[in-house]
Amino acid sequence: MNVQRLSIPDVILITPHQYDDPRGCFFETYNQHRYREMGIDATFVQDNHSISHSKGIVRGLHCQLAPYAQGKLVRCTHGRIWDVAVDIRPGSATFGQWVTSELSAQNRAQLWIPPGFLHGFCTLTDGAEVQYKCTDFYNRDAERVIRWNSRELGITWPVSEQDALLSDKDQQAPDFAAVKDWSV
């Protein structure tokens, strides 16, 4: 596997080695031993699958607070997405900073986002499918949302504000300043 630590070193881009032959290909999507060797010592308890019908759909920025904070291992199994992680760990040297990666069915890359991060993505193609493993179960009371285009963050998104397709929850989300009132 090709392992790349991003500008926030705890967020890791992982690209599995692919074995091709005339029939198709094979690659590992998860191997506990290999992931532990790269510093991901996580127990996954829930798998999620998101299907977005059109280009320009933005989902996020979402997280769950402790004790239900989730680490996520994210991959795109159909189409392409622009994946975003924002550090909201109190006292972190990279608090409020963000990283992005393009994940696609073609590059087969995965993004490890540890607990203590907001997560979101934008679809770059019609019919994008995203699958991700989580280290804790979904808990509605622990869920928090920040506006995807919060000025305080300045995230560079591949879609304009006018063209972004959002859920009601994401449209009504507060700006990043609300994080200071949370216990992460």
C-alpha atoms as a PDB file:
ATOM      1  CA  MET A   1       0.000   0.000   0.000  1.00  0.00           C
ATOM      2  CA  ASN A   2       1.090   3.534  -0.697  1.00  0.00           C
ATOM      3  CA  VAL A   3       0.738   5.562   2.520  1.00  0.00           C
ATOM      4  CA  GLN A   4       0.809   9.366   2.443  1.00  0.00           C
ATOM      5  CA  ARG A   5       0.512  11.507   5.557  1.00  0.00           C
ATOM      6  CA  LEU A   6      -1.176  14.759   4.616  1.00  0.00           C
ATOM      7  CA  SER A   7      -0.383  18.241   5.952  1.00  0.00           C
ATOM      8  CA  ILE A   8      -2.288  17.213   9.083  1.00  0.00           C
ATOM      9  CA  PRO A   9      -0.180  14.083   9.754  1.00  0.00           C
ATOM     10  CA  ASP A  10      -2.910  12.152  11.591  1.00  0.00           C
ATOM     11  CA  VAL A  11      -5.003  12.151   8.394  1.00  0.00           C
ATOM     12  CA  ILE A  12      -3.632   9.464   6.100  1.00  0.00           C
ATOM     13  CA  LEU A  13      -4.248   8.854   2.384  1.00  0.00           C
ATOM     14  CA  ILE A  14      -3.947   5.147   1.611  1.00  0.00           C
ATOM     15  CA  THR A  15      -3.794   3.711  -1.891  1.00  0.00           C
ATOM     16  CA  PRO A  16      -3.868  -0.085  -2.037  1.00  0.00           C
ATOM     17  CA  HIS A  17      -1.710  -2.069  -4.416  1.00  0.00           C
ATOM     18  CA  GLN A  18      -3.831  -3.456  -7.228  1.00  0.00           C
ATOM     19  CA  TYR A  19      -3.255  -6.823  -8.888  1.00  0.00           C
ATOM     20  CA  ASP A  20      -4.425  -6.876 -12.502  1.00  0.00           C
ATOM     21  CA  ASP A  21      -4.848  -9.740 -14.935  1.00  0.00           C
ATOM     22  CA  PRO A  22      -7.007 -10.305 -18.040  1.00  0.00           C
ATOM     23  CA  ARG A  23     -10.050 -11.097 -15.858  1.00  0.00           C
ATOM     24  CA  GLY A  24      -9.959  -7.819 -13.900  1.00  0.00           C
ATOM     25  CA  CYS A  25      -8.251  -6.837 -10.684  1.00  0.00           C
ATOM     26  CA  PHE A  26      -7.947  -7.539  -6.979  1.00  0.00           C
ATOM     27  CA  PHE A  27      -6.946  -5.307  -4.060  1.00  0.00           C
ATOM     28  CA  GLU A  28      -7.328  -5.275  -0.289  1.00  0.00           C
ATOM     29  CA  THR A  29      -9.648  -2.613   1.106  1.00  0.00           C
ATOM     30  CA  TYR A  30      -8.694  -3.300   4.716  1.00  0.00           C
ATOM     31  CA  ASN A  31      -6.126  -5.406   6.540  1.00  0.00           C
ATOM     32  CA  GLN A  32      -5.958  -4.903  10.302  1.00  0.00           C
ATOM     33  CA  HIS A  33      -2.271  -5.840  10.561  1.00  0.00           C
ATOM     34  CA  ARG A  34      -1.168  -3.471   7.775  1.00  0.00           C
ATOM     35  CA  TYR A  35      -3.280  -0.614   9.088  1.00  0.00           C
ATOM     36  CA  ARG A  36      -1.889  -1.034  12.590  1.00  0.00           C
ATOM     37  CA  GLU A  37       1.622  -0.880  11.130  1.00  0.00           C
ATOM     38  CA  MET A  38       0.785   2.544   9.659  1.00  0.00           C
ATOM     39  CA  GLY A  39      -0.598   3.752  12.994  1.00  0.00           C
ATOM     40  CA  ILE A  40      -4.317   3.105  12.523  1.00  0.00           C
ATOM     41  CA  ASP A  41      -5.176   0.988  15.547  1.00  0.00           C
ATOM     42  CA  ALA A  42      -8.941   1.222  15.193  1.00  0.00           C
ATOM     43  CA  THR A  43     -11.814  -1.146  15.769  1.00  0.00           C
ATOM     44  CA  PHE A  44     -14.522  -0.583  13.197  1.00  0.00           C
ATOM     45  CA  VAL A  45     -18.095  -1.174  14.382  1.00  0.00           C
ATOM     46  CA  GLN A  46     -20.263   0.270  11.604  1.00  0.00           C
ATOM     47  CA  ASP A  47     -20.068   0.516   7.809  1.00  0.00           C
ATOM     48  CA  ASN A  48     -21.955   3.255   5.929  1.00  0.00           C
ATOM     49  CA  HIS A  49     -22.777   3.540   2.233  1.00  0.00           C
ATOM     50  CA  SER A  50     -23.799   6.885   0.717  1.00  0.00           C
ATOM     51  CA  ILE A  51     -25.221   7.216  -2.809  1.00  0.00           C
ATOM     52  CA  SER A  52     -25.416  10.649  -4.419  1.00  0.00           C
ATOM     53  CA  HIS A  53     -27.275  10.921  -7.704  1.00  0.00           C
ATOM     54  CA  SER A  54     -25.705  14.046  -9.141  1.00  0.00           C
ATOM     55  CA  LYS A  55     -22.543  16.081  -9.339  1.00  0.00           C
ATOM     56  CA  GLY A  56     -22.257  18.984  -6.867  1.00  0.00           C
ATOM     57  CA  ILE A  57     -23.861  17.352  -3.840  1.00  0.00           C
ATOM     58  CA  VAL A  58     -22.160  18.459  -0.617  1.00  0.00           C
ATOM     59  CA  ARG A  59     -22.501  16.319   2.505  1.00  0.00           C
ATOM     60  CA  GLY A  60     -21.029  17.777   5.663  1.00  0.00           C
ATOM     61  CA  LEU A  61     -19.281  18.982   7.603  1.00  0.00           C
ATOM     62  CA  HIS A  62     -20.263  16.414  10.257  1.00  0.00           C
ATOM     63  CA  CYS A  63     -18.812  14.857  13.392  1.00  0.00           C
ATOM     64  CA  GLN A  64     -19.831  13.220  16.630  1.00  0.00           C
ATOM     65  CA  LEU A  65     -18.659  14.385  20.043  1.00  0.00           C
ATOM     66  CA  ALA A  66     -17.014  12.176  22.661  1.00  0.00           C
ATOM     67  CA  PRO A  67     -17.690   9.654  23.946  1.00  0.00           C
ATOM     68  CA  TYR A  68     -19.170   8.797  20.528  1.00  0.00           C
ATOM     69  CA  ALA A  69     -16.502  10.435  18.347  1.00  0.00           C
ATOM     70  CA  GLN A  70     -15.958   8.475  15.154  1.00  0.00           C
ATOM     71  CA  GLY A  71     -12.819   7.718  13.220  1.00  0.00           C
ATOM     72  CA  LYS A  72     -13.658   7.053   9.574  1.00  0.00           C
ATOM     73  CA  LEU A  73     -11.949   5.111   6.802  1.00  0.00           C
ATOM     74  CA  VAL A  74     -13.516   6.602   3.654  1.00  0.00           C
ATOM     75  CA  ARG A  75     -13.433   5.386   0.061  1.00  0.00           C
ATOM     76  CA  CYS A  76     -15.340   6.133  -3.132  1.00  0.00           C
ATOM     77  CA  THR A  77     -16.509   2.972  -4.910  1.00  0.00           C
ATOM     78  CA  HIS A  78     -18.272   4.614  -7.856  1.00  0.00           C
ATOM     79  CA  GLY A  79     -17.545   8.008  -9.412  1.00  0.00           C
ATOM     80  CA  ARG A  80     -15.357  10.681  -7.777  1.00  0.00           C
ATOM     81  CA  ILE A  81     -15.560  12.848  -4.660  1.00  0.00           C
ATOM     82  CA  TRP A  82     -13.630  15.722  -3.074  1.00  0.00           C
ATOM     83  CA  ASP A  83     -13.190  14.582   0.544  1.00  0.00           C
ATOM     84  CA  VAL A  84     -12.511  17.035   3.391  1.00  0.00           C
ATOM     85  CA  ALA A  85     -11.311  16.619   6.983  1.00  0.00           C
ATOM     86  CA  VAL A  86     -11.141  19.528   9.469  1.00  0.00           C
ATOM     87  CA  ASP A  87      -9.232  19.244  12.743  1.00  0.00           C
ATOM     88  CA  ILE A  88     -11.379  20.230  15.751  1.00  0.00           C
ATOM     89  CA  ARG A  89      -9.268  18.588  18.460  1.00  0.00           C
ATOM     90  CA  PRO A  90      -8.832  21.052  21.344  1.00  0.00           C
ATOM     91  CA  GLY A  91      -5.189  22.007  21.825  1.00  0.00           C
ATOM     92  CA  SER A  92      -4.133  20.517  18.481  1.00  0.00           C
ATOM     93  CA  ALA A  93      -1.411  22.404  16.620  1.00  0.00           C
ATOM     94  CA  THR A  94      -3.554  22.027  13.492  1.00  0.00           C
ATOM     95  CA  PHE A  95      -6.916  23.020  15.071  1.00  0.00           C
ATOM     96  CA  GLY A  96      -9.166  24.590  12.420  1.00  0.00           C
ATOM     97  CA  GLN A  97      -6.947  23.435   9.562  1.00  0.00           C
ATOM     98  CA  TRP A  98      -8.262  21.219   6.807  1.00  0.00           C
ATOM     99  CA  VAL A  99      -7.016  18.747   4.217  1.00  0.00           C
ATOM    100  CA  THR A 100      -8.642  17.456   1.057  1.00  0.00           C
ATOM    101  CA  SER A 101      -8.166  14.474  -1.203  1.00  0.00           C
ATOM    102  CA  GLU A 102      -9.833  13.275  -4.348  1.00  0.00           C
ATOM    103  CA  LEU A 103     -11.155   9.766  -3.873  1.00  0.00           C
ATOM    104  CA  SER A 104     -12.474   7.790  -6.819  1.00  0.00           C
ATOM    105  CA  ALA A 105     -13.349   4.343  -8.038  1.00  0.00           C
ATOM    106  CA  GLN A 106     -10.346   4.644 -10.376  1.00  0.00           C
ATOM    107  CA  ASN A 107      -7.668   5.637  -7.831  1.00  0.00           C
ATOM    108  CA  ARG A 108      -9.132   3.352  -5.118  1.00  0.00           C
ATOM    109  CA  ALA A 109      -7.591   5.641  -2.484  1.00  0.00           C
ATOM    110  CA  GLN A 110      -8.916   5.726   1.062  1.00  0.00           C
ATOM    111  CA  LEU A 111      -8.753   8.514   3.606  1.00  0.00           C
ATOM    112  CA  TRP A 112      -8.271   7.753   7.306  1.00  0.00           C
ATOM    113  CA  ILE A 113      -9.889  10.503   9.375  1.00  0.00           C
ATOM    114  CA  PRO A 114      -9.315   9.981  13.104  1.00  0.00           C
ATOM    115  CA  PRO A 115     -11.808  10.941  15.832  1.00  0.00           C
ATOM    116  CA  GLY A 116     -11.858  14.684  16.515  1.00  0.00           C
ATOM    117  CA  PHE A 117     -12.341  15.785  12.910  1.00  0.00           C
ATOM    118  CA  LEU A 118     -15.229  17.194  10.935  1.00  0.00           C
ATOM    119  CA  HIS A 119     -15.810  15.281   7.707  1.00  0.00           C
ATOM    120  CA  GLY A 120     -17.557  16.165   4.475  1.00  0.00           C
ATOM    121  CA  PHE A 121     -17.393  15.629   0.754  1.00  0.00           C
ATOM    122  CA  CYS A 122     -18.570  16.973  -2.580  1.00  0.00           C
ATOM    123  CA  THR A 123     -19.488  14.745  -5.495  1.00  0.00           C
ATOM    124  CA  LEU A 124     -17.470  15.404  -8.646  1.00  0.00           C
ATOM    125  CA  THR A 125     -19.528  13.060 -10.826  1.00  0.00           C
ATOM    126  CA  ASP A 126     -23.103  11.905 -11.165  1.00  0.00           C
ATOM    127  CA  GLY A 127     -23.793   8.652  -9.346  1.00  0.00           C
ATOM    128  CA  ALA A 128     -21.037   8.819  -6.730  1.00  0.00           C
ATOM    129  CA  GLU A 129     -20.998   6.115  -4.070  1.00  0.00           C
ATOM    130  CA  VAL A 130     -19.037   6.469  -0.838  1.00  0.00           C
ATOM    131  CA  GLN A 131     -18.421   3.728   1.689  1.00  0.00           C
ATOM    132  CA  TYR A 132     -16.836   4.285   5.046  1.00  0.00           C
ATOM    133  CA  LYS A 133     -16.015   2.311   8.138  1.00  0.00           C
ATOM    134  CA  CYS A 134     -16.633   3.972  11.521  1.00  0.00           C
ATOM    135  CA  THR A 135     -15.018   3.390  14.902  1.00  0.00           C
ATOM    136  CA  ASP A 136     -18.224   4.134  16.828  1.00  0.00           C
ATOM    137  CA  PHE A 137     -21.941   3.802  16.245  1.00  0.00           C
ATOM    138  CA  TYR A 138     -24.079   6.689  15.036  1.00  0.00           C
ATOM    139  CA  ASN A 139     -25.510   8.704  17.934  1.00  0.00           C
ATOM    140  CA  ARG A 140     -27.949  11.484  17.034  1.00  0.00           C
ATOM    141  CA  ASP A 141     -27.404  13.357  20.328  1.00  0.00           C
ATOM    142  CA  ALA A 142     -23.637  13.462  19.781  1.00  0.00           C
ATOM    143  CA  GLU A 143     -23.848  14.594  16.145  1.00  0.00           C
ATOM    144  CA  ARG A 144     -22.722  18.119  15.263  1.00  0.00           C
ATOM    145  CA  VAL A 145     -22.717  19.966  11.940  1.00  0.00           C
ATOM    146  CA  ILE A 146     -20.757  22.992  10.698  1.00  0.00           C
ATOM    147  CA  ARG A 147     -21.547  24.977   7.572  1.00  0.00           C
ATOM    148  CA  TRP A 148     -19.614  23.501   4.643  1.00  0.00           C
ATOM    149  CA  ASN A 149     -18.548  26.920   3.361  1.00  0.00           C
ATOM    150  CA  SER A 150     -17.882  28.609   6.699  1.00  0.00           C
ATOM    151  CA  ARG A 151     -15.765  31.713   6.007  1.00  0.00           C
ATOM    152  CA  GLU A 152     -13.583  31.029   9.078  1.00  0.00           C
ATOM    153  CA  LEU A 153     -12.355  27.809   7.485  1.00  0.00           C
ATOM    154  CA  GLY A 154     -11.903  29.045   3.918  1.00  0.00           C
ATOM    155  CA  ILE A 155     -12.112  25.566   2.426  1.00  0.00           C
ATOM    156  CA  THR A 156     -11.605  25.502  -1.334  1.00  0.00           C
ATOM    157  CA  TRP A 157     -14.559  23.506  -2.659  1.00  0.00           C
ATOM    158  CA  PRO A 158     -14.934  22.341  -6.271  1.00  0.00           C
ATOM    159  CA  VAL A 159     -18.512  23.674  -6.432  1.00  0.00           C
ATOM    160  CA  SER A 160     -19.930  27.189  -6.149  1.00  0.00           C
ATOM    161  CA  GLU A 161     -22.314  28.181  -3.382  1.00  0.00           C
ATOM    162  CA  GLN A 162     -25.062  28.606  -5.993  1.00  0.00           C
ATOM    163  CA  ASP A 163     -24.554  25.147  -7.487  1.00  0.00           C
ATOM    164  CA  ALA A 164     -24.043  23.121  -4.278  1.00  0.00           C
ATOM    165  CA  LEU A 165     -26.867  20.714  -3.445  1.00  0.00           C
ATOM    166  CA  LEU A 166     -27.352  20.394   0.340  1.00  0.00           C
ATOM    167  CA  SER A 167     -29.654  18.723   2.840  1.00  0.00           C
ATOM    168  CA  ASP A 168     -31.801  20.965   5.039  1.00  0.00           C
ATOM    169  CA  LYS A 169     -29.595  20.083   8.015  1.00  0.00           C
ATOM    170  CA  ASP A 170     -26.433  21.168   6.170  1.00  0.00           C
ATOM    171  CA  GLN A 171     -28.070  24.374   4.880  1.00  0.00           C
ATOM    172  CA  GLN A 172     -28.974  25.402   8.433  1.00  0.00           C
ATOM    173  CA  ALA A 173     -25.626  24.495  10.026  1.00  0.00           C
ATOM    174  CA  PRO A 174     -23.783  27.144  12.050  1.00  0.00           C
ATOM    175  CA  ASP A 175     -20.410  28.612  11.109  1.00  0.00           C
ATOM    176  CA  PHE A 176     -17.131  27.214  12.432  1.00  0.00           C
ATOM    177  CA  ALA A 177     -17.149  29.547  15.448  1.00  0.00           C
ATOM    178  CA  ALA A 178     -19.757  27.239  17.028  1.00  0.00           C
ATOM    179  CA  VAL A 179     -17.039  24.608  17.596  1.00  0.00           C
ATOM    180  CA  LYS A 180     -15.703  26.577  20.574  1.00  0.00           C
ATOM    181  CA  ASP A 181     -18.915  25.697  22.474  1.00  0.00           C
ATOM    182  CA  TRP A 182     -18.485  21.946  21.929  1.00  0.00           C
ATOM    183  CA  SER A 183     -16.638  19.372  24.017  1.00  0.00           C
ATOM    184  CA  VAL A 184     -14.780  17.217  21.523  1.00  0.00           C
END
